[in-house]
N, C-alpha and C. Protein backbone atom coordinates (compact mmCIF):
# COMPACT_ATOMS: atom_id res chain seq x y z
N MET A 1 102.19 147.39 102.68
CA MET A 1 101.74 148.41 103.63
C MET A 1 102.18 148.00 105.04
N ILE A 2 102.86 148.93 105.73
CA ILE A 2 103.34 148.67 107.08
C ILE A 2 102.71 149.65 108.05
N PHE A 3 101.92 149.14 108.98
CA PHE A 3 101.27 149.96 110.01
C PHE A 3 100.57 151.18 109.43
N GLY A 4 99.89 150.97 108.29
CA GLY A 4 99.08 152.03 107.69
C GLY A 4 99.82 152.89 106.69
N PHE A 5 101.13 152.67 106.51
CA PHE A 5 101.92 153.48 105.58
C PHE A 5 102.25 152.66 104.34
N ILE A 6 102.00 153.24 103.17
CA ILE A 6 102.28 152.56 101.91
C ILE A 6 103.76 152.68 101.59
N LEU A 7 104.39 151.55 101.32
CA LEU A 7 105.81 151.53 100.96
C LEU A 7 105.95 151.28 99.47
N GLU A 8 106.93 151.93 98.86
CA GLU A 8 107.15 151.78 97.43
C GLU A 8 108.63 151.53 97.15
N GLY A 9 108.88 151.03 95.95
CA GLY A 9 110.25 150.91 95.46
C GLY A 9 111.12 149.97 96.27
N GLY A 10 112.38 150.41 96.44
CA GLY A 10 113.38 149.58 97.10
C GLY A 10 113.05 149.26 98.54
N LEU A 11 112.43 150.22 99.25
CA LEU A 11 112.08 149.98 100.65
C LEU A 11 111.05 148.87 100.77
N ALA A 12 110.05 148.89 99.89
CA ALA A 12 109.03 147.84 99.90
C ALA A 12 109.65 146.47 99.62
N PHE A 13 110.60 146.44 98.68
CA PHE A 13 111.29 145.18 98.36
C PHE A 13 112.07 144.66 99.56
N LEU A 14 112.77 145.56 100.24
CA LEU A 14 113.56 145.16 101.41
C LEU A 14 112.68 144.62 102.53
N ILE A 15 111.55 145.29 102.78
CA ILE A 15 110.63 144.84 103.83
C ILE A 15 110.07 143.46 103.50
N ASN A 16 109.67 143.25 102.24
CA ASN A 16 109.14 141.95 101.83
C ASN A 16 110.20 140.87 101.93
N ALA A 17 111.42 141.19 101.52
CA ALA A 17 112.52 140.22 101.60
C ALA A 17 112.82 139.87 103.05
N ALA A 18 112.81 140.88 103.93
CA ALA A 18 113.07 140.65 105.35
C ALA A 18 111.98 139.79 105.97
N THR A 19 110.73 140.02 105.56
CA THR A 19 109.61 139.23 106.08
C THR A 19 109.74 137.76 105.68
N ILE A 20 110.08 137.52 104.42
CA ILE A 20 110.27 136.15 103.94
C ILE A 20 111.43 135.47 104.67
N ALA A 21 112.52 136.22 104.86
CA ALA A 21 113.68 135.68 105.56
C ALA A 21 113.33 135.33 107.00
N LEU A 22 112.52 136.18 107.64
CA LEU A 22 112.12 135.91 109.02
C LEU A 22 111.23 134.68 109.11
N LEU A 23 110.34 134.50 108.15
CA LEU A 23 109.49 133.31 108.12
C LEU A 23 110.33 132.05 107.96
N LEU A 24 111.30 132.10 107.07
CA LEU A 24 112.18 130.94 106.89
C LEU A 24 112.98 130.66 108.16
N PHE A 25 113.40 131.72 108.83
CA PHE A 25 114.13 131.60 110.09
C PHE A 25 113.25 130.93 111.16
N ILE A 26 111.98 131.31 111.21
CA ILE A 26 111.04 130.74 112.18
C ILE A 26 110.78 129.26 111.87
N VAL A 27 110.56 128.95 110.58
CA VAL A 27 110.31 127.56 110.18
C VAL A 27 111.52 126.68 110.52
N TYR A 28 112.71 127.21 110.26
CA TYR A 28 113.94 126.47 110.59
C TYR A 28 114.01 126.21 112.10
N GLY A 29 113.64 127.22 112.88
CA GLY A 29 113.65 127.07 114.33
C GLY A 29 112.64 126.06 114.82
N PHE A 30 111.47 126.01 114.14
CA PHE A 30 110.46 125.02 114.51
C PHE A 30 111.01 123.60 114.29
N ALA A 31 111.70 123.43 113.18
CA ALA A 31 112.26 122.11 112.87
C ALA A 31 113.30 121.70 113.90
N LYS A 32 114.03 122.69 114.43
CA LYS A 32 115.08 122.42 115.42
C LYS A 32 114.55 122.45 116.85
N LYS A 33 113.26 122.77 117.00
CA LYS A 33 112.63 122.86 118.33
C LYS A 33 113.37 123.87 119.22
N ASP A 34 113.73 125.00 118.61
CA ASP A 34 114.48 126.04 119.31
C ASP A 34 113.50 127.02 119.95
N VAL A 35 113.57 127.20 121.26
CA VAL A 35 112.63 128.05 121.97
C VAL A 35 112.79 129.52 121.56
N ARG A 36 113.99 129.91 121.12
CA ARG A 36 114.20 131.30 120.69
C ARG A 36 113.37 131.60 119.44
N HIS A 37 113.29 130.64 118.56
CA HIS A 37 112.47 130.81 117.36
C HIS A 37 110.99 130.83 117.72
N TYR A 38 110.64 130.09 118.75
CA TYR A 38 109.25 130.10 119.21
C TYR A 38 108.84 131.50 119.64
N TYR A 39 109.66 132.14 120.48
CA TYR A 39 109.34 133.50 120.93
C TYR A 39 109.39 134.50 119.78
N ALA A 40 110.29 134.26 118.83
CA ALA A 40 110.34 135.13 117.65
C ALA A 40 109.06 135.02 116.85
N SER A 41 108.49 133.81 116.76
CA SER A 41 107.24 133.62 116.02
C SER A 41 106.08 134.31 116.73
N ILE A 42 106.07 134.28 118.06
CA ILE A 42 105.01 134.97 118.82
C ILE A 42 105.05 136.47 118.53
N ILE A 43 106.25 137.04 118.60
CA ILE A 43 106.41 138.48 118.32
C ILE A 43 105.99 138.78 116.89
N PHE A 44 106.39 137.91 115.96
CA PHE A 44 106.08 138.12 114.55
C PHE A 44 104.57 138.18 114.32
N PHE A 45 103.82 137.22 114.85
CA PHE A 45 102.38 137.19 114.60
C PHE A 45 101.65 138.29 115.37
N VAL A 46 102.16 138.70 116.50
CA VAL A 46 101.58 139.86 117.20
C VAL A 46 101.72 141.11 116.33
N LEU A 47 102.90 141.29 115.73
CA LEU A 47 103.14 142.43 114.84
C LEU A 47 102.28 142.36 113.59
N ILE A 48 102.09 141.15 113.07
CA ILE A 48 101.25 140.98 111.89
C ILE A 48 99.81 141.38 112.20
N ILE A 49 99.31 140.96 113.36
CA ILE A 49 97.95 141.32 113.77
C ILE A 49 97.83 142.83 113.95
N LEU A 50 98.81 143.44 114.60
CA LEU A 50 98.81 144.89 114.79
C LEU A 50 98.86 145.61 113.44
N ASN A 51 99.68 145.12 112.53
CA ASN A 51 99.78 145.72 111.20
C ASN A 51 98.46 145.62 110.45
N THR A 52 97.79 144.48 110.58
CA THR A 52 96.49 144.29 109.93
C THR A 52 95.46 145.28 110.45
N LEU A 53 95.43 145.46 111.76
CA LEU A 53 94.47 146.37 112.37
C LEU A 53 94.72 147.82 111.97
N LEU A 54 96.00 148.21 111.88
CA LEU A 54 96.32 149.60 111.55
C LEU A 54 96.19 149.88 110.05
N SER A 55 96.48 148.89 109.22
CA SER A 55 96.48 149.11 107.77
C SER A 55 95.08 149.16 107.18
N ILE A 56 94.12 148.52 107.84
CA ILE A 56 92.77 148.45 107.27
C ILE A 56 92.17 149.83 107.07
N PHE A 57 92.48 150.78 107.95
CA PHE A 57 91.91 152.12 107.82
C PHE A 57 92.44 152.83 106.58
N SER A 58 93.74 152.70 106.31
CA SER A 58 94.32 153.31 105.12
C SER A 58 93.79 152.65 103.85
N LEU A 59 93.65 151.33 103.89
CA LEU A 59 93.15 150.61 102.71
C LEU A 59 91.71 150.99 102.40
N ARG A 60 90.90 151.16 103.42
CA ARG A 60 89.51 151.53 103.20
C ARG A 60 89.38 152.91 102.57
N LEU A 61 90.27 153.82 102.95
CA LEU A 61 90.23 155.17 102.38
C LEU A 61 90.52 155.16 100.88
N GLN A 62 91.30 154.18 100.43
CA GLN A 62 91.70 154.12 99.03
C GLN A 62 90.84 153.15 98.23
N SER A 63 89.82 152.57 98.86
CA SER A 63 89.01 151.55 98.21
C SER A 63 87.59 152.05 97.99
N PHE A 64 86.90 151.36 97.10
CA PHE A 64 85.52 151.72 96.77
C PHE A 64 84.85 150.49 96.17
N GLY A 65 83.55 150.44 96.22
CA GLY A 65 82.79 149.38 95.56
C GLY A 65 83.24 147.98 95.92
N ALA A 66 83.44 147.17 94.87
CA ALA A 66 83.84 145.78 95.06
C ALA A 66 85.20 145.66 95.73
N LEU A 67 86.09 146.59 95.40
CA LEU A 67 87.43 146.55 96.01
C LEU A 67 87.35 146.77 97.52
N LYS A 68 86.49 147.68 97.95
CA LYS A 68 86.32 147.93 99.38
C LYS A 68 85.72 146.71 100.08
N SER A 69 84.79 146.05 99.40
CA SER A 69 84.20 144.83 99.97
C SER A 69 85.25 143.74 100.12
N PHE A 70 86.12 143.63 99.11
CA PHE A 70 87.20 142.64 99.18
C PHE A 70 88.17 142.95 100.31
N VAL A 71 88.49 144.24 100.48
CA VAL A 71 89.38 144.65 101.58
C VAL A 71 88.78 144.25 102.92
N ASN A 72 87.48 144.48 103.08
CA ASN A 72 86.82 144.14 104.35
C ASN A 72 86.83 142.63 104.60
N VAL A 73 86.48 141.86 103.58
CA VAL A 73 86.44 140.40 103.73
C VAL A 73 87.83 139.84 104.01
N SER A 74 88.82 140.27 103.23
CA SER A 74 90.18 139.76 103.42
C SER A 74 90.75 140.20 104.77
N PHE A 75 90.35 141.39 105.24
CA PHE A 75 90.81 141.86 106.55
C PHE A 75 90.34 140.91 107.65
N TYR A 76 89.06 140.59 107.65
CA TYR A 76 88.53 139.72 108.70
C TYR A 76 89.11 138.31 108.60
N LEU A 77 89.23 137.79 107.39
CA LEU A 77 89.77 136.44 107.23
C LEU A 77 91.24 136.38 107.64
N THR A 78 92.02 137.40 107.25
CA THR A 78 93.43 137.43 107.63
C THR A 78 93.60 137.59 109.13
N LEU A 79 92.76 138.44 109.73
CA LEU A 79 92.83 138.63 111.18
C LEU A 79 92.51 137.33 111.92
N ILE A 80 91.46 136.64 111.49
CA ILE A 80 91.09 135.37 112.11
C ILE A 80 92.21 134.34 111.94
N LEU A 81 92.80 134.30 110.75
CA LEU A 81 93.89 133.36 110.48
C LEU A 81 95.07 133.59 111.41
N ASN A 82 95.46 134.84 111.58
CA ASN A 82 96.61 135.15 112.43
C ASN A 82 96.32 134.92 113.92
N VAL A 83 95.12 135.23 114.34
CA VAL A 83 94.74 135.00 115.74
C VAL A 83 94.73 133.50 116.05
N ILE A 84 94.16 132.71 115.13
CA ILE A 84 94.14 131.26 115.33
C ILE A 84 95.57 130.71 115.39
N THR A 85 96.44 131.20 114.51
CA THR A 85 97.83 130.75 114.50
C THR A 85 98.53 131.11 115.81
N LEU A 86 98.29 132.33 116.30
CA LEU A 86 98.92 132.76 117.54
C LEU A 86 98.44 131.93 118.73
N LEU A 87 97.14 131.66 118.79
CA LEU A 87 96.59 130.84 119.87
C LEU A 87 97.14 129.42 119.81
N PHE A 88 97.28 128.92 118.59
CA PHE A 88 97.83 127.57 118.41
C PHE A 88 99.28 127.50 118.92
N LEU A 89 100.05 128.53 118.64
CA LEU A 89 101.44 128.57 119.11
C LEU A 89 101.51 128.61 120.64
N PHE A 90 100.61 129.36 121.25
CA PHE A 90 100.56 129.40 122.71
C PHE A 90 100.29 128.01 123.28
N ARG A 91 99.42 127.27 122.61
CA ARG A 91 99.07 125.93 123.09
C ARG A 91 100.22 124.94 122.94
N LYS A 92 101.15 125.22 122.03
CA LYS A 92 102.23 124.27 121.72
C LYS A 92 103.57 124.67 122.32
N LYS A 93 103.54 125.54 123.30
CA LYS A 93 104.80 126.02 123.88
C LYS A 93 105.63 124.87 124.45
N TYR A 94 104.97 123.87 125.03
CA TYR A 94 105.69 122.75 125.65
C TYR A 94 106.59 122.03 124.64
N TYR A 95 106.19 122.08 123.37
CA TYR A 95 106.96 121.40 122.32
C TYR A 95 108.38 121.97 122.21
N PHE A 96 108.52 123.25 122.57
CA PHE A 96 109.81 123.92 122.42
C PHE A 96 110.61 123.97 123.74
N ILE A 97 109.92 123.92 124.87
CA ILE A 97 110.63 124.06 126.14
C ILE A 97 110.91 122.72 126.81
N THR A 98 110.29 121.66 126.28
CA THR A 98 110.52 120.33 126.85
C THR A 98 111.50 119.57 125.97
N PRO A 99 112.59 119.08 126.51
CA PRO A 99 113.56 118.32 125.71
C PRO A 99 112.92 117.06 125.13
N LYS A 100 113.07 116.89 123.83
CA LYS A 100 112.54 115.73 123.10
C LYS A 100 111.11 115.38 123.54
N PRO A 101 110.19 116.30 123.36
CA PRO A 101 108.81 116.02 123.79
C PRO A 101 108.16 114.95 122.92
N GLU A 102 107.32 114.19 123.53
CA GLU A 102 106.55 113.20 122.79
C GLU A 102 105.30 113.89 122.26
N TYR A 103 105.29 114.10 120.95
CA TYR A 103 104.19 114.85 120.34
C TYR A 103 103.10 113.91 119.83
N THR A 104 101.90 114.16 120.26
CA THR A 104 100.74 113.42 119.78
C THR A 104 99.74 114.41 119.20
N VAL A 105 99.04 113.96 118.19
CA VAL A 105 98.06 114.83 117.52
C VAL A 105 96.82 114.96 118.39
N HIS A 106 96.42 116.22 118.66
CA HIS A 106 95.24 116.49 119.45
C HIS A 106 94.15 117.11 118.58
N TYR A 107 93.00 117.32 119.19
CA TYR A 107 91.88 117.89 118.42
C TYR A 107 92.20 119.29 117.93
N GLU A 108 92.99 120.07 118.72
CA GLU A 108 93.30 121.43 118.28
C GLU A 108 94.21 121.44 117.06
N ASP A 109 95.00 120.39 116.88
CA ASP A 109 95.84 120.28 115.68
C ASP A 109 94.96 120.12 114.44
N ARG A 110 93.97 119.24 114.55
CA ARG A 110 93.06 119.04 113.42
C ARG A 110 92.25 120.31 113.15
N PHE A 111 91.82 120.96 114.22
CA PHE A 111 91.05 122.19 114.07
C PHE A 111 91.89 123.28 113.41
N PHE A 112 93.15 123.36 113.81
CA PHE A 112 94.05 124.38 113.25
C PHE A 112 94.25 124.15 111.75
N VAL A 113 94.56 122.93 111.37
CA VAL A 113 94.79 122.61 109.95
C VAL A 113 93.53 122.87 109.14
N LEU A 114 92.38 122.42 109.66
CA LEU A 114 91.11 122.63 108.96
C LEU A 114 90.81 124.12 108.81
N SER A 115 91.07 124.88 109.86
CA SER A 115 90.82 126.33 109.82
C SER A 115 91.68 127.01 108.77
N ILE A 116 92.96 126.63 108.72
CA ILE A 116 93.87 127.21 107.73
C ILE A 116 93.38 126.92 106.32
N VAL A 117 92.99 125.69 106.07
CA VAL A 117 92.52 125.30 104.74
C VAL A 117 91.26 126.07 104.36
N VAL A 118 90.29 126.13 105.27
CA VAL A 118 89.03 126.81 105.00
C VAL A 118 89.25 128.30 104.73
N ILE A 119 90.06 128.94 105.56
CA ILE A 119 90.31 130.37 105.40
C ILE A 119 91.01 130.66 104.08
N TRP A 120 92.00 129.84 103.70
CA TRP A 120 92.69 130.05 102.45
C TRP A 120 91.77 129.83 101.25
N VAL A 121 90.89 128.84 101.34
CA VAL A 121 89.92 128.62 100.27
C VAL A 121 89.00 129.82 100.14
N LEU A 122 88.54 130.35 101.27
CA LEU A 122 87.67 131.53 101.25
C LEU A 122 88.39 132.75 100.68
N LEU A 123 89.67 132.91 101.02
CA LEU A 123 90.45 134.02 100.48
C LEU A 123 90.60 133.92 98.97
N ILE A 124 90.86 132.71 98.48
CA ILE A 124 91.02 132.50 97.04
C ILE A 124 89.70 132.75 96.31
N LEU A 125 88.61 132.21 96.85
CA LEU A 125 87.30 132.40 96.22
C LEU A 125 86.88 133.86 96.22
N SER A 126 87.12 134.56 97.33
CA SER A 126 86.75 135.97 97.41
C SER A 126 87.60 136.81 96.46
N THR A 127 88.86 136.41 96.25
CA THR A 127 89.71 137.13 95.30
C THR A 127 89.15 137.04 93.89
N PHE A 128 88.74 135.84 93.48
CA PHE A 128 88.15 135.67 92.15
C PHE A 128 86.82 136.42 92.03
N TYR A 129 85.99 136.29 93.07
CA TYR A 129 84.65 136.89 93.02
C TYR A 129 84.72 138.41 92.96
N TYR A 130 85.43 139.01 93.92
CA TYR A 130 85.50 140.47 93.96
C TYR A 130 86.41 141.03 92.87
N GLY A 131 87.39 140.22 92.42
CA GLY A 131 88.22 140.65 91.31
C GLY A 131 87.42 140.85 90.04
N GLU A 132 86.51 139.92 89.76
CA GLU A 132 85.65 140.05 88.58
C GLU A 132 84.69 141.24 88.71
N LYS A 133 84.13 141.41 89.92
CA LYS A 133 83.24 142.55 90.14
C LYS A 133 83.98 143.87 89.99
N TYR A 134 85.20 143.94 90.52
CA TYR A 134 86.01 145.16 90.42
C TYR A 134 86.35 145.45 88.96
N TYR A 135 86.65 144.42 88.20
CA TYR A 135 86.96 144.57 86.78
C TYR A 135 85.77 145.17 86.03
N ASP A 136 84.58 144.64 86.28
CA ASP A 136 83.38 145.16 85.61
C ASP A 136 83.08 146.60 86.05
N GLU A 137 83.19 146.86 87.34
CA GLU A 137 82.92 148.20 87.85
C GLU A 137 83.89 149.23 87.28
N SER A 138 85.16 148.84 87.18
CA SER A 138 86.19 149.76 86.69
C SER A 138 85.92 150.18 85.26
N PHE A 139 85.50 149.23 84.42
CA PHE A 139 85.21 149.56 83.02
C PHE A 139 84.00 150.48 82.92
N GLN A 140 82.97 150.21 83.70
CA GLN A 140 81.78 151.06 83.68
C GLN A 140 82.11 152.46 84.17
N THR A 141 82.88 152.54 85.26
CA THR A 141 83.25 153.84 85.82
C THR A 141 84.16 154.60 84.87
N ALA A 142 85.12 153.89 84.25
CA ALA A 142 86.03 154.54 83.31
C ALA A 142 85.28 155.14 82.13
N ASP A 143 84.29 154.41 81.60
CA ASP A 143 83.49 154.93 80.49
C ASP A 143 82.75 156.20 80.90
N GLN A 144 82.21 156.20 82.12
CA GLN A 144 81.49 157.38 82.62
C GLN A 144 82.44 158.57 82.77
N TYR A 145 83.62 158.33 83.33
CA TYR A 145 84.57 159.43 83.52
C TYR A 145 85.08 159.98 82.18
N LEU A 146 85.27 159.09 81.19
CA LEU A 146 85.70 159.55 79.87
C LEU A 146 84.70 160.52 79.27
N LEU A 147 83.42 160.21 79.41
CA LEU A 147 82.39 161.10 78.88
C LEU A 147 82.37 162.44 79.61
N GLU A 148 82.60 162.40 80.91
CA GLU A 148 82.54 163.62 81.71
C GLU A 148 83.79 164.49 81.57
N LEU A 149 84.92 163.87 81.32
CA LEU A 149 86.20 164.59 81.38
C LEU A 149 86.76 165.02 80.03
N ARG A 150 86.25 164.47 78.95
CA ARG A 150 86.91 164.69 77.66
C ARG A 150 86.92 166.14 77.19
N ASP A 151 85.96 166.94 77.65
CA ASP A 151 85.91 168.34 77.23
C ASP A 151 86.28 169.30 78.35
N ARG A 152 86.86 168.78 79.43
CA ARG A 152 87.21 169.63 80.57
C ARG A 152 88.71 169.93 80.58
N SER A 153 89.04 171.08 81.12
CA SER A 153 90.44 171.45 81.30
C SER A 153 90.99 170.74 82.54
N VAL A 154 92.28 170.89 82.80
CA VAL A 154 92.89 170.26 83.96
C VAL A 154 92.24 170.77 85.25
N ILE A 155 92.07 172.07 85.34
CA ILE A 155 91.46 172.66 86.55
C ILE A 155 90.04 172.16 86.74
N GLU A 156 89.27 172.13 85.65
CA GLU A 156 87.88 171.65 85.73
C GLU A 156 87.85 170.16 86.09
N SER A 157 88.80 169.42 85.55
CA SER A 157 88.86 167.98 85.83
C SER A 157 89.18 167.72 87.30
N ILE A 158 90.10 168.50 87.86
CA ILE A 158 90.44 168.33 89.27
C ILE A 158 89.22 168.58 90.15
N SER A 159 88.47 169.62 89.83
CA SER A 159 87.26 169.94 90.60
C SER A 159 86.25 168.80 90.50
N TYR A 160 86.12 168.23 89.30
CA TYR A 160 85.18 167.12 89.10
C TYR A 160 85.64 165.88 89.87
N CYS A 161 86.93 165.58 89.77
CA CYS A 161 87.46 164.36 90.41
C CYS A 161 87.38 164.42 91.94
N GLU A 162 87.42 165.60 92.48
CA GLU A 162 87.32 165.74 93.93
C GLU A 162 85.96 165.33 94.46
N GLU A 163 84.96 165.27 93.58
CA GLU A 163 83.59 164.96 94.01
C GLU A 163 83.18 163.52 93.75
N VAL A 164 83.99 162.75 93.02
CA VAL A 164 83.59 161.40 92.66
C VAL A 164 84.11 160.39 93.69
N SER A 165 83.61 159.17 93.61
CA SER A 165 84.00 158.14 94.60
C SER A 165 85.39 157.58 94.31
N ASN A 166 85.67 157.30 93.03
CA ASN A 166 86.96 156.72 92.65
C ASN A 166 87.87 157.84 92.15
N LYS A 167 88.44 158.57 93.07
CA LYS A 167 89.28 159.72 92.71
C LYS A 167 90.53 159.32 91.95
N ASP A 168 91.15 158.21 92.34
CA ASP A 168 92.38 157.78 91.68
C ASP A 168 92.15 157.52 90.20
N LEU A 169 91.11 156.78 89.87
CA LEU A 169 90.80 156.47 88.48
C LEU A 169 90.46 157.74 87.71
N CYS A 170 89.76 158.64 88.35
CA CYS A 170 89.37 159.90 87.73
C CYS A 170 90.61 160.75 87.39
N TYR A 171 91.50 160.90 88.36
CA TYR A 171 92.74 161.64 88.11
C TYR A 171 93.57 160.98 87.02
N TYR A 172 93.61 159.68 87.03
CA TYR A 172 94.40 158.92 86.05
C TYR A 172 93.89 159.19 84.64
N ILE A 173 92.59 159.05 84.45
CA ILE A 173 91.99 159.27 83.13
C ILE A 173 92.15 160.72 82.68
N SER A 174 91.92 161.63 83.59
CA SER A 174 92.05 163.05 83.26
C SER A 174 93.48 163.41 82.86
N ALA A 175 94.46 162.85 83.56
CA ALA A 175 95.85 163.12 83.22
C ALA A 175 96.19 162.61 81.83
N LEU A 176 95.64 161.44 81.45
CA LEU A 176 95.90 160.89 80.12
C LEU A 176 95.22 161.73 79.04
N ILE A 177 94.01 162.19 79.33
CA ILE A 177 93.30 163.03 78.37
C ILE A 177 94.04 164.34 78.13
N ASN A 178 94.59 164.90 79.21
CA ASN A 178 95.26 166.21 79.14
C ASN A 178 96.79 166.07 79.21
N LYS A 179 97.33 164.97 78.69
CA LYS A 179 98.76 164.72 78.85
C LYS A 179 99.64 165.76 78.14
N GLU A 180 99.06 166.51 77.20
CA GLU A 180 99.83 167.57 76.54
C GLU A 180 99.95 168.80 77.43
N ASP A 181 99.11 168.87 78.44
CA ASP A 181 99.16 169.99 79.38
C ASP A 181 100.27 169.74 80.41
N ALA A 182 101.05 170.78 80.69
CA ALA A 182 102.18 170.64 81.62
C ALA A 182 101.73 170.31 83.04
N ASN A 183 100.47 170.63 83.35
CA ASN A 183 99.95 170.38 84.70
C ASN A 183 99.41 168.96 84.88
N SER A 184 99.43 168.17 83.82
CA SER A 184 98.87 166.82 83.93
C SER A 184 99.67 165.96 84.91
N LEU A 185 100.98 166.22 85.01
CA LEU A 185 101.81 165.46 85.94
C LEU A 185 101.38 165.71 87.38
N ASN A 186 100.88 166.90 87.66
CA ASN A 186 100.39 167.21 89.01
C ASN A 186 99.19 166.34 89.37
N MET A 187 98.39 166.01 88.36
CA MET A 187 97.23 165.15 88.62
C MET A 187 97.69 163.74 88.98
N CYS A 188 98.77 163.29 88.34
CA CYS A 188 99.32 161.97 88.69
C CYS A 188 99.77 161.95 90.15
N GLU A 189 100.34 163.06 90.60
CA GLU A 189 100.83 163.15 91.98
C GLU A 189 99.68 163.09 92.99
N MET A 190 98.47 163.41 92.56
CA MET A 190 97.32 163.42 93.45
C MET A 190 96.74 162.02 93.66
N ILE A 191 97.21 161.06 92.86
CA ILE A 191 96.71 159.69 92.96
C ILE A 191 97.33 159.00 94.17
N LEU A 192 96.51 158.40 95.01
CA LEU A 192 97.00 157.74 96.23
C LEU A 192 97.57 156.36 95.95
N ASN A 193 96.91 155.62 95.08
CA ASN A 193 97.36 154.26 94.77
C ASN A 193 98.72 154.31 94.07
N PRO A 194 99.75 153.69 94.65
CA PRO A 194 101.10 153.79 94.06
C PRO A 194 101.21 153.19 92.67
N ILE A 195 100.42 152.14 92.38
CA ILE A 195 100.46 151.51 91.06
C ILE A 195 99.88 152.45 90.02
N TYR A 196 98.69 153.02 90.31
CA TYR A 196 98.08 153.99 89.41
C TYR A 196 99.00 155.20 89.22
N ARG A 197 99.58 155.68 90.32
CA ARG A 197 100.40 156.89 90.26
C ARG A 197 101.63 156.68 89.39
N THR A 198 102.33 155.56 89.58
CA THR A 198 103.52 155.28 88.78
C THR A 198 103.18 155.12 87.31
N ASP A 199 102.10 154.36 87.02
CA ASP A 199 101.70 154.13 85.63
C ASP A 199 101.26 155.43 84.98
N CYS A 200 100.61 156.30 85.75
CA CYS A 200 100.16 157.59 85.24
C CYS A 200 101.36 158.44 84.81
N LYS A 201 102.37 158.51 85.66
CA LYS A 201 103.58 159.30 85.35
C LYS A 201 104.28 158.75 84.11
N THR A 202 104.33 157.42 84.02
CA THR A 202 105.00 156.79 82.88
C THR A 202 104.24 157.05 81.59
N SER A 203 102.91 157.04 81.65
CA SER A 203 102.09 157.17 80.46
C SER A 203 102.10 158.56 79.85
N ILE A 204 102.25 159.59 80.67
CA ILE A 204 102.16 160.95 80.13
C ILE A 204 103.53 161.53 79.77
N LYS A 205 104.60 160.81 80.07
CA LYS A 205 105.93 161.32 79.73
C LYS A 205 106.29 160.99 78.28
């Protein structure tokens, strides 16, 4: 997701590849103590923070229950991580602009490393915790939707799905139930989540 817009297919691959290449470029510049790479890293993390702030609204619209809680937790942890990294870079500017600087470890270096470790541990733990909750919720919700949708037509299913919290899952299940109906593909198109939408189209063809 870039600045609130969901990317799919080849474009998403290119953006991810470019991001990885830029990170490697920045790391290489750090090793060479190149001030140009330093400024590139500042711009990069500013854009990452901006992207995080803009994307959270789109992610919240597509989330519910445990998944929404995970989005909120990961948003705050990621934002804190990037802000700490940016502040740390500001503090270390002399390392890049001073020829052969004598680098000594300061308290902010220890704080930075400790913060990175703690935040990553929290991200991993929250992924396992909310992932399990989301898994349980999805099965319970899917069972409920199956009971409600199995005797409904496509039009009736659309009306029902518009009123529920997890619209994507509802449309997905309804499209599979009514896959013999020519309009079932339209229900797949109504799914916001790109993974659900692609799998839905593949399943009913």
